[in-house]
Amino acid sequence: MRSLSLLALCCFSPLLFAADVPGSQDLPIVPRLADAEIVDFRPPVELERIYPLGSIRKISGQLRFDGQVSARGQTTSVTYELPPEHSATEAFTAAREALQKQGAELLFWCQARDCGESSLWANEVFGNAKLFGADDQQAYLLLRLAAPKDNSLVALYSITRGNRKAYLHVEQFEAAAPLGELLPTSATLLRQLKSTGELDFPKLSADPDDTWLRLISRGLNLDTTLRVSVSGAKAEAWRQSLIAQGVRAARMETGNAPGAGLHIELLR
């Protein structure tokens, strides 16, 4: 009887209930949320890919956005339908945190209506009608993987449809040629700071860089109520340079977080 009971438990294992589309599989870099099911899977294919770095809109029949990453390479994607007990936001956050723990850099992050129209993301960017939902229930994130995989990008898109079904789309892009320098938007830096409480720039260990000074100062000045600490080997030089860029001195103090690179932490 005990053997029969064990066999019954095995037969009712949740893994055996998974309704994944045939031939599908998870992407190794992003763990699957419990009880999520793969409802769309597209194996590696080489194509020209454009990833927006801004809110998208359509003008005179043409898709428009403020910036983009455009390259040719191999694209693989997987779309999950989430169980009722997990929200799209929860799945999106779990995927983002998993990628950041692997050293991935955020390039562009938008949420809700700041992203533009969900129909454009679903049909024009990802070519997947399952991803069409309410504009205020979406989130998009483009990340660059850490070296030596820094010619790879990962796009995350989450959405909750009108029928309350939630989805997470994960797309990995392997560029055929070096991507070169890619910089985040200032709004993305602010969103990351407010969401995670910190910004970490391990490569910025030297004197302040003009390009990064502009990006960081603009990000900080998008919300002048925030106060931060600035740490790193050149922390005071960065703080003074940020003041010169228009960030009020009273909003920043020198911190003592370990590491040679620049580290900015939100003061609660």
C-alpha atoms as a PDB file:
ATOM      1  CA  MET A   1       0.000   0.000   0.000  1.00  0.00           C
ATOM      2  CA  ARG A   2       2.849   2.371   0.827  1.00  0.00           C
ATOM      3  CA  SER A   3       4.358   1.805  -2.622  1.00  0.00           C
ATOM      4  CA  LEU A   4       1.005   2.511  -4.265  1.00  0.00           C
ATOM      5  CA  SER A   5       0.642   5.717  -2.248  1.00  0.00           C
ATOM      6  CA  LEU A   6       4.088   6.905  -3.320  1.00  0.00           C
ATOM      7  CA  LEU A   7       3.270   6.111  -6.927  1.00  0.00           C
ATOM      8  CA  ALA A   8       0.057   8.124  -6.684  1.00  0.00           C
ATOM      9  CA  LEU A   9       1.926  11.102  -5.236  1.00  0.00           C
ATOM     10  CA  CYS A  10       4.414  10.945  -8.091  1.00  0.00           C
ATOM     11  CA  CYS A  11       1.625  10.857 -10.660  1.00  0.00           C
ATOM     12  CA  PHE A  12       0.098  13.994  -9.167  1.00  0.00           C
ATOM     13  CA  SER A  13       3.404  15.858  -9.162  1.00  0.00           C
ATOM     14  CA  PRO A  14       2.907  19.476 -10.391  1.00  0.00           C
ATOM     15  CA  LEU A  15       5.689  18.909 -12.923  1.00  0.00           C
ATOM     16  CA  LEU A  16       3.515  16.360 -14.692  1.00  0.00           C
ATOM     17  CA  PHE A  17       0.663  18.846 -14.857  1.00  0.00           C
ATOM     18  CA  ALA A  18       2.732  21.495 -16.674  1.00  0.00           C
ATOM     19  CA  ALA A  19       1.005  22.394 -19.933  1.00  0.00           C
ATOM     20  CA  ASP A  20       4.108  23.710 -21.663  1.00  0.00           C
ATOM     21  CA  VAL A  21       3.921  23.920 -25.442  1.00  0.00           C
ATOM     22  CA  PRO A  22       5.728  20.953 -27.050  1.00  0.00           C
ATOM     23  CA  GLY A  23       9.452  21.383 -27.587  1.00  0.00           C
ATOM     24  CA  SER A  24       9.719  24.382 -25.283  1.00  0.00           C
ATOM     25  CA  GLN A  25      12.282  24.968 -22.552  1.00  0.00           C
ATOM     26  CA  ASP A  26      13.333  27.603 -20.040  1.00  0.00           C
ATOM     27  CA  LEU A  27      16.180  30.000 -20.686  1.00  0.00           C
ATOM     28  CA  PRO A  28      18.990  29.002 -18.270  1.00  0.00           C
ATOM     29  CA  ILE A  29      19.621  32.574 -17.100  1.00  0.00           C
ATOM     30  CA  VAL A  30      16.054  33.221 -15.879  1.00  0.00           C
ATOM     31  CA  PRO A  31      14.455  30.832 -13.352  1.00  0.00           C
ATOM     32  CA  ARG A  32      10.806  29.899 -13.859  1.00  0.00           C
ATOM     33  CA  LEU A  33       8.283  31.128 -11.311  1.00  0.00           C
ATOM     34  CA  ALA A  34       6.515  28.276  -9.526  1.00  0.00           C
ATOM     35  CA  ASP A  35       3.600  26.780 -11.498  1.00  0.00           C
ATOM     36  CA  ALA A  36       4.114  29.083 -14.506  1.00  0.00           C
ATOM     37  CA  GLU A  37       3.452  27.452 -17.887  1.00  0.00           C
ATOM     38  CA  ILE A  38       5.168  28.087 -21.208  1.00  0.00           C
ATOM     39  CA  VAL A  39       2.517  29.169 -23.709  1.00  0.00           C
ATOM     40  CA  ASP A  40       4.850  30.384 -26.472  1.00  0.00           C
ATOM     41  CA  PHE A  41       8.400  29.320 -27.312  1.00  0.00           C
ATOM     42  CA  ARG A  42      10.547  30.436 -30.227  1.00  0.00           C
ATOM     43  CA  PRO A  43      13.856  28.593 -30.705  1.00  0.00           C
ATOM     44  CA  PRO A  44      17.044  30.410 -31.774  1.00  0.00           C
ATOM     45  CA  VAL A  45      16.737  32.174 -35.108  1.00  0.00           C
ATOM     46  CA  GLU A  46      19.044  34.731 -36.691  1.00  0.00           C
ATOM     47  CA  LEU A  47      17.472  38.076 -37.535  1.00  0.00           C
ATOM     48  CA  GLU A  48      17.855  41.832 -37.317  1.00  0.00           C
ATOM     49  CA  ARG A  49      16.488  42.968 -33.948  1.00  0.00           C
ATOM     50  CA  ILE A  50      15.511  46.393 -32.676  1.00  0.00           C
ATOM     51  CA  TYR A  51      14.953  46.966 -28.954  1.00  0.00           C
ATOM     52  CA  PRO A  52      13.404  50.325 -27.950  1.00  0.00           C
ATOM     53  CA  LEU A  53      15.054  52.491 -25.325  1.00  0.00           C
ATOM     54  CA  GLY A  54      12.047  54.707 -24.806  1.00  0.00           C
ATOM     55  CA  SER A  55       8.275  54.915 -24.773  1.00  0.00           C
ATOM     56  CA  ILE A  56       6.860  53.653 -28.070  1.00  0.00           C
ATOM     57  CA  ARG A  57       4.195  55.246 -30.223  1.00  0.00           C
ATOM     58  CA  LYS A  58       3.048  55.138 -33.822  1.00  0.00           C
ATOM     59  CA  ILE A  59       3.138  58.247 -36.013  1.00  0.00           C
ATOM     60  CA  SER A  60       1.978  58.114 -39.627  1.00  0.00           C
ATOM     61  CA  GLY A  61       2.136  54.339 -39.526  1.00  0.00           C
ATOM     62  CA  GLN A  62       5.757  54.286 -38.293  1.00  0.00           C
ATOM     63  CA  LEU A  63       6.900  53.041 -34.902  1.00  0.00           C
ATOM     64  CA  ARG A  64       8.701  55.784 -32.959  1.00  0.00           C
ATOM     65  CA  PHE A  65      10.829  55.797 -29.789  1.00  0.00           C
ATOM     66  CA  ASP A  66      13.556  58.016 -28.374  1.00  0.00           C
ATOM     67  CA  GLY A  67      16.391  55.500 -28.609  1.00  0.00           C
ATOM     68  CA  GLN A  68      17.121  51.936 -29.635  1.00  0.00           C
ATOM     69  CA  VAL A  69      19.605  49.085 -29.763  1.00  0.00           C
ATOM     70  CA  SER A  70      19.762  47.601 -33.247  1.00  0.00           C
ATOM     71  CA  ALA A  71      21.850  44.558 -34.196  1.00  0.00           C
ATOM     72  CA  ARG A  72      21.787  41.219 -35.976  1.00  0.00           C
ATOM     73  CA  GLY A  73      22.043  37.971 -34.068  1.00  0.00           C
ATOM     74  CA  GLN A  74      20.345  34.911 -32.592  1.00  0.00           C
ATOM     75  CA  THR A  75      17.057  35.444 -30.771  1.00  0.00           C
ATOM     76  CA  THR A  76      15.355  32.969 -28.440  1.00  0.00           C
ATOM     77  CA  SER A  77      12.146  33.728 -26.552  1.00  0.00           C
ATOM     78  CA  VAL A  78       9.806  32.116 -24.056  1.00  0.00           C
ATOM     79  CA  THR A  79       6.434  33.377 -22.822  1.00  0.00           C
ATOM     80  CA  TYR A  80       4.979  32.221 -19.497  1.00  0.00           C
ATOM     81  CA  GLU A  81       1.390  32.316 -18.351  1.00  0.00           C
ATOM     82  CA  LEU A  82       1.457  32.858 -14.608  1.00  0.00           C
ATOM     83  CA  PRO A  83      -0.737  31.068 -12.056  1.00  0.00           C
ATOM     84  CA  PRO A  84      -3.440  33.187 -10.360  1.00  0.00           C
ATOM     85  CA  GLU A  85      -1.472  33.390  -7.107  1.00  0.00           C
ATOM     86  CA  HIS A  86       1.450  35.194  -8.800  1.00  0.00           C
ATOM     87  CA  SER A  87       1.190  38.639 -10.371  1.00  0.00           C
ATOM     88  CA  ALA A  88       2.973  39.887 -13.476  1.00  0.00           C
ATOM     89  CA  THR A  89       4.857  42.358 -11.291  1.00  0.00           C
ATOM     90  CA  GLU A  90       6.089  39.555  -9.035  1.00  0.00           C
ATOM     91  CA  ALA A  91       7.362  37.514 -11.996  1.00  0.00           C
ATOM     92  CA  PHE A  92       8.986  40.569 -13.579  1.00  0.00           C
ATOM     93  CA  THR A  93      10.765  41.496 -10.338  1.00  0.00           C
ATOM     94  CA  ALA A  94      12.000  37.941  -9.751  1.00  0.00           C
ATOM     95  CA  ALA A  95      13.440  37.778 -13.286  1.00  0.00           C
ATOM     96  CA  ARG A  96      15.092  41.198 -12.953  1.00  0.00           C
ATOM     97  CA  GLU A  97      16.667  40.353  -9.618  1.00  0.00           C
ATOM     98  CA  ALA A  98      17.967  37.016 -10.928  1.00  0.00           C
ATOM     99  CA  LEU A  99      19.629  38.756 -13.870  1.00  0.00           C
ATOM    100  CA  GLN A 100      21.095  41.541 -11.721  1.00  0.00           C
ATOM    101  CA  LYS A 101      22.609  38.951  -9.383  1.00  0.00           C
ATOM    102  CA  GLN A 102      24.470  37.663 -12.451  1.00  0.00           C
ATOM    103  CA  GLY A 103      25.878  41.151 -13.068  1.00  0.00           C
ATOM    104  CA  ALA A 104      23.495  42.217 -15.848  1.00  0.00           C
ATOM    105  CA  GLU A 105      23.320  45.971 -16.488  1.00  0.00           C
ATOM    106  CA  LEU A 106      19.978  47.746 -16.893  1.00  0.00           C
ATOM    107  CA  LEU A 107      19.678  49.786 -20.093  1.00  0.00           C
ATOM    108  CA  PHE A 108      16.011  50.775 -20.188  1.00  0.00           C
ATOM    109  CA  TRP A 109      13.166  50.191 -17.756  1.00  0.00           C
ATOM    110  CA  CYS A 110       9.622  51.481 -18.031  1.00  0.00           C
ATOM    111  CA  GLN A 111       6.344  50.682 -16.336  1.00  0.00           C
ATOM    112  CA  ALA A 112       2.650  51.232 -17.043  1.00  0.00           C
ATOM    113  CA  ARG A 113       1.756  54.100 -19.376  1.00  0.00           C
ATOM    114  CA  ASP A 114       5.376  55.319 -19.416  1.00  0.00           C
ATOM    115  CA  CYS A 115       6.046  52.431 -21.830  1.00  0.00           C
ATOM    116  CA  GLY A 116       3.491  53.561 -24.420  1.00  0.00           C
ATOM    117  CA  GLU A 117       0.793  51.327 -25.892  1.00  0.00           C
ATOM    118  CA  SER A 118       0.757  47.657 -24.940  1.00  0.00           C
ATOM    119  CA  SER A 119      -0.606  46.754 -28.375  1.00  0.00           C
ATOM    120  CA  LEU A 120       2.582  48.105 -29.971  1.00  0.00           C
ATOM    121  CA  TRP A 121       4.841  46.128 -27.649  1.00  0.00           C
ATOM    122  CA  ALA A 122       2.838  42.959 -28.252  1.00  0.00           C
ATOM    123  CA  ASN A 123       2.405  43.162 -32.006  1.00  0.00           C
ATOM    124  CA  GLU A 124       5.224  45.374 -33.296  1.00  0.00           C
ATOM    125  CA  VAL A 125       8.119  44.650 -30.932  1.00  0.00           C
ATOM    126  CA  PHE A 126       7.568  41.033 -29.857  1.00  0.00           C
ATOM    127  CA  GLY A 127       5.109  39.780 -32.491  1.00  0.00           C
ATOM    128  CA  ASN A 128       3.051  37.975 -29.865  1.00  0.00           C
ATOM    129  CA  ALA A 129      -0.647  38.836 -29.496  1.00  0.00           C
ATOM    130  CA  LYS A 130      -0.771  37.072 -26.104  1.00  0.00           C
ATOM    131  CA  LEU A 131       1.129  40.062 -24.682  1.00  0.00           C
ATOM    132  CA  PHE A 132      -1.577  42.620 -25.461  1.00  0.00           C
ATOM    133  CA  GLY A 133      -3.185  43.961 -22.309  1.00  0.00           C
ATOM    134  CA  ALA A 134      -3.892  47.081 -20.274  1.00  0.00           C
ATOM    135  CA  ASP A 135      -1.387  49.901 -20.760  1.00  0.00           C
ATOM    136  CA  ASP A 136      -1.232  50.517 -17.018  1.00  0.00           C
ATOM    137  CA  GLN A 137      -0.472  46.842 -16.295  1.00  0.00           C
ATOM    138  CA  GLN A 138       2.774  46.464 -18.271  1.00  0.00           C
ATOM    139  CA  ALA A 139       6.504  46.647 -17.644  1.00  0.00           C
ATOM    140  CA  TYR A 140       9.503  46.392 -19.974  1.00  0.00           C
ATOM    141  CA  LEU A 141      13.190  46.019 -19.218  1.00  0.00           C
ATOM    142  CA  LEU A 142      16.241  45.653 -21.452  1.00  0.00           C
ATOM    143  CA  LEU A 143      19.459  44.377 -19.849  1.00  0.00           C
ATOM    144  CA  ARG A 144      22.980  43.641 -21.028  1.00  0.00           C
ATOM    145  CA  LEU A 145      24.632  40.548 -19.613  1.00  0.00           C
ATOM    146  CA  ALA A 146      27.964  40.792 -17.813  1.00  0.00           C
ATOM    147  CA  ALA A 147      31.273  39.967 -19.523  1.00  0.00           C
ATOM    148  CA  PRO A 148      32.209  37.661 -21.121  1.00  0.00           C
ATOM    149  CA  LYS A 149      28.597  37.504 -22.349  1.00  0.00           C
ATOM    150  CA  ASP A 150      28.321  41.260 -22.812  1.00  0.00           C
ATOM    151  CA  ASN A 151      27.268  40.904 -26.444  1.00  0.00           C
ATOM    152  CA  SER A 152      24.023  39.366 -25.186  1.00  0.00           C
ATOM    153  CA  LEU A 153      20.843  41.237 -24.290  1.00  0.00           C
ATOM    154  CA  VAL A 154      17.780  40.103 -22.373  1.00  0.00           C
ATOM    155  CA  ALA A 155      14.377  41.745 -22.772  1.00  0.00           C
ATOM    156  CA  LEU A 156      11.656  41.257 -20.153  1.00  0.00           C
ATOM    157  CA  TYR A 157       8.042  42.222 -20.730  1.00  0.00           C
ATOM    158  CA  SER A 158       5.196  41.559 -18.299  1.00  0.00           C
ATOM    159  CA  ILE A 159       1.513  42.233 -18.824  1.00  0.00           C
ATOM    160  CA  THR A 160      -1.861  41.569 -17.224  1.00  0.00           C
ATOM    161  CA  ARG A 161      -4.677  41.175 -19.735  1.00  0.00           C
ATOM    162  CA  GLY A 162      -8.283  42.291 -19.341  1.00  0.00           C
ATOM    163  CA  ASN A 163      -9.277  38.745 -18.342  1.00  0.00           C
ATOM    164  CA  ARG A 164      -6.751  39.048 -15.460  1.00  0.00           C
ATOM    165  CA  LYS A 165      -4.383  36.486 -16.943  1.00  0.00           C
ATOM    166  CA  ALA A 166      -0.771  37.535 -16.386  1.00  0.00           C
ATOM    167  CA  TYR A 167       2.203  36.835 -18.635  1.00  0.00           C
ATOM    168  CA  LEU A 168       5.970  37.208 -18.563  1.00  0.00           C
ATOM    169  CA  HIS A 169       7.905  37.279 -21.828  1.00  0.00           C
ATOM    170  CA  VAL A 170      11.662  36.644 -21.762  1.00  0.00           C
ATOM    171  CA  GLU A 171      13.797  37.147 -24.858  1.00  0.00           C
ATOM    172  CA  GLN A 172      17.534  36.540 -25.132  1.00  0.00           C
ATOM    173  CA  PHE A 173      19.526  38.063 -27.993  1.00  0.00           C
ATOM    174  CA  GLU A 174      23.073  37.005 -28.906  1.00  0.00           C
ATOM    175  CA  ALA A 175      24.607  39.648 -31.161  1.00  0.00           C
ATOM    176  CA  ALA A 176      26.673  38.462 -34.120  1.00  0.00           C
ATOM    177  CA  ALA A 177      29.100  41.392 -33.697  1.00  0.00           C
ATOM    178  CA  PRO A 178      30.303  43.377 -30.640  1.00  0.00           C
ATOM    179  CA  LEU A 179      27.615  45.700 -29.340  1.00  0.00           C
ATOM    180  CA  GLY A 180      30.057  48.409 -28.262  1.00  0.00           C
ATOM    181  CA  GLU A 181      29.175  50.905 -25.555  1.00  0.00           C
ATOM    182  CA  LEU A 182      25.545  50.936 -24.443  1.00  0.00           C
ATOM    183  CA  LEU A 183      24.383  53.441 -21.844  1.00  0.00           C
ATOM    184  CA  PRO A 184      21.261  53.412 -19.675  1.00  0.00           C
ATOM    185  CA  THR A 185      18.750  56.240 -19.739  1.00  0.00           C
ATOM    186  CA  SER A 186      18.667  58.681 -16.837  1.00  0.00           C
ATOM    187  CA  ALA A 187      15.057  57.711 -16.080  1.00  0.00           C
ATOM    188  CA  THR A 188      16.123  54.064 -15.841  1.00  0.00           C
ATOM    189  CA  LEU A 189      18.838  54.952 -13.320  1.00  0.00           C
ATOM    190  CA  LEU A 190      16.242  56.771 -11.204  1.00  0.00           C
ATOM    191  CA  ARG A 191      13.765  53.880 -11.420  1.00  0.00           C
ATOM    192  CA  GLN A 192      16.492  51.432 -10.395  1.00  0.00           C
ATOM    193  CA  LEU A 193      17.571  53.622  -7.480  1.00  0.00           C
ATOM    194  CA  LYS A 194      14.014  53.965  -6.189  1.00  0.00           C
ATOM    195  CA  SER A 195      13.204  50.278  -6.688  1.00  0.00           C
ATOM    196  CA  THR A 196      16.388  48.643  -5.397  1.00  0.00           C
ATOM    197  CA  GLY A 197      17.777  51.391  -3.168  1.00  0.00           C
ATOM    198  CA  GLU A 198      21.152  51.542  -4.879  1.00  0.00           C
ATOM    199  CA  LEU A 199      23.155  52.064  -8.051  1.00  0.00           C
ATOM    200  CA  ASP A 200      26.413  50.187  -8.474  1.00  0.00           C
ATOM    201  CA  PHE A 201      29.010  51.169 -11.098  1.00  0.00           C
ATOM    202  CA  PRO A 202      32.042  48.903 -10.552  1.00  0.00           C
ATOM    203  CA  LYS A 203      33.741  50.189 -13.729  1.00  0.00           C
ATOM    204  CA  LEU A 204      33.666  53.831 -12.581  1.00  0.00           C
ATOM    205  CA  SER A 205      36.712  53.663 -10.306  1.00  0.00           C
ATOM    206  CA  ALA A 206      38.638  56.560 -11.872  1.00  0.00           C
ATOM    207  CA  ASP A 207      37.992  60.319 -11.934  1.00  0.00           C
ATOM    208  CA  PRO A 208      34.472  61.414 -12.890  1.00  0.00           C
ATOM    209  CA  ASP A 209      33.498  60.708 -16.486  1.00  0.00           C
ATOM    210  CA  ASP A 210      31.568  63.464 -18.280  1.00  0.00           C
ATOM    211  CA  THR A 211      29.110  61.111 -19.986  1.00  0.00           C
ATOM    212  CA  TRP A 212      28.227  59.273 -16.794  1.00  0.00           C
ATOM    213  CA  LEU A 213      28.104  62.533 -14.840  1.00  0.00           C
ATOM    214  CA  ARG A 214      25.390  63.821 -17.175  1.00  0.00           C
ATOM    215  CA  LEU A 215      23.397  60.562 -16.969  1.00  0.00           C
ATOM    216  CA  ILE A 216      23.580  60.293 -13.178  1.00  0.00           C
ATOM    217  CA  SER A 217      22.939  63.973 -12.459  1.00  0.00           C
ATOM    218  CA  ARG A 218      19.918  64.024 -14.770  1.00  0.00           C
ATOM    219  CA  GLY A 219      18.580  60.896 -13.096  1.00  0.00           C
ATOM    220  CA  LEU A 220      18.976  62.351  -9.612  1.00  0.00           C
ATOM    221  CA  ASN A 221      17.373  65.625 -10.659  1.00  0.00           C
ATOM    222  CA  LEU A 222      14.282  63.858 -11.985  1.00  0.00           C
ATOM    223  CA  ASP A 223      13.262  63.556  -8.322  1.00  0.00           C
ATOM    224  CA  THR A 224      14.764  66.326  -6.221  1.00  0.00           C
ATOM    225  CA  THR A 225      13.269  64.930  -2.996  1.00  0.00           C
ATOM    226  CA  LEU A 226      15.732  62.025  -2.849  1.00  0.00           C
ATOM    227  CA  ARG A 227      18.879  62.019  -0.735  1.00  0.00           C
ATOM    228  CA  VAL A 228      21.785  59.665  -1.472  1.00  0.00           C
ATOM    229  CA  SER A 229      25.214  58.628  -0.242  1.00  0.00           C
ATOM    230  CA  VAL A 230      28.115  58.408  -2.682  1.00  0.00           C
ATOM    231  CA  SER A 231      30.844  55.815  -2.044  1.00  0.00           C
ATOM    232  CA  GLY A 232      33.976  54.586  -3.789  1.00  0.00           C
ATOM    233  CA  ALA A 233      37.652  55.384  -4.193  1.00  0.00           C
ATOM    234  CA  LYS A 234      36.789  58.698  -5.895  1.00  0.00           C
ATOM    235  CA  ALA A 235      33.536  59.326  -4.019  1.00  0.00           C
ATOM    236  CA  GLU A 236      34.238  62.932  -3.028  1.00  0.00           C
ATOM    237  CA  ALA A 237      35.363  63.827  -6.553  1.00  0.00           C
ATOM    238  CA  TRP A 238      32.125  62.398  -7.930  1.00  0.00           C
ATOM    239  CA  ARG A 239      30.060  64.201  -5.309  1.00  0.00           C
ATOM    240  CA  GLN A 240      31.671  67.544  -6.129  1.00  0.00           C
ATOM    241  CA  SER A 241      31.247  66.960  -9.861  1.00  0.00           C
ATOM    242  CA  LEU A 242      27.577  66.070  -9.387  1.00  0.00           C
ATOM    243  CA  ILE A 243      27.134  69.326  -7.453  1.00  0.00           C
ATOM    244  CA  ALA A 244      28.709  71.144 -10.408  1.00  0.00           C
ATOM    245  CA  GLN A 245      26.138  69.411 -12.636  1.00  0.00           C
ATOM    246  CA  GLY A 246      23.276  70.888 -10.610  1.00  0.00           C
ATOM    247  CA  VAL A 247      22.570  68.272  -7.928  1.00  0.00           C
ATOM    248  CA  ARG A 248      22.105  70.115  -4.625  1.00  0.00           C
ATOM    249  CA  ALA A 249      24.889  69.440  -2.124  1.00  0.00           C
ATOM    250  CA  ALA A 250      22.360  68.924   0.684  1.00  0.00           C
ATOM    251  CA  ARG A 251      21.019  65.869  -1.144  1.00  0.00           C
ATOM    252  CA  MET A 252      24.340  63.986  -1.102  1.00  0.00           C
ATOM    253  CA  GLU A 253      26.776  62.775   1.488  1.00  0.00           C
ATOM    254  CA  THR A 254      29.956  60.743   1.230  1.00  0.00           C
ATOM    255  CA  GLY A 255      29.394  57.108   2.155  1.00  0.00           C
ATOM    256  CA  ASN A 256      31.658  54.210   3.116  1.00  0.00           C
ATOM    257  CA  ALA A 257      30.302  51.294   1.083  1.00  0.00           C
ATOM    258  CA  PRO A 258      33.156  48.901   0.164  1.00  0.00           C
ATOM    259  CA  GLY A 259      34.578  48.732  -3.350  1.00  0.00           C
ATOM    260  CA  ALA A 260      36.634  50.940  -5.626  1.00  0.00           C
ATOM    261  CA  GLY A 261      33.852  51.635  -8.136  1.00  0.00           C
ATOM    262  CA  LEU A 262      31.149  54.272  -7.719  1.00  0.00           C
ATOM    263  CA  HIS A 263      28.261  53.238  -5.468  1.00  0.00           C
ATOM    264  CA  ILE A 264      25.169  55.390  -4.879  1.00  0.00           C
ATOM    265  CA  GLU A 265      22.754  54.426  -2.134  1.00  0.00           C
ATOM    266  CA  LEU A 266      19.333  55.853  -1.387  1.00  0.00           C
ATOM    267  CA  LEU A 267      19.041  57.351   2.103  1.00  0.00           C
ATOM    268  CA  ARG A 268      15.655  56.379   3.517  1.00  0.00           C
END
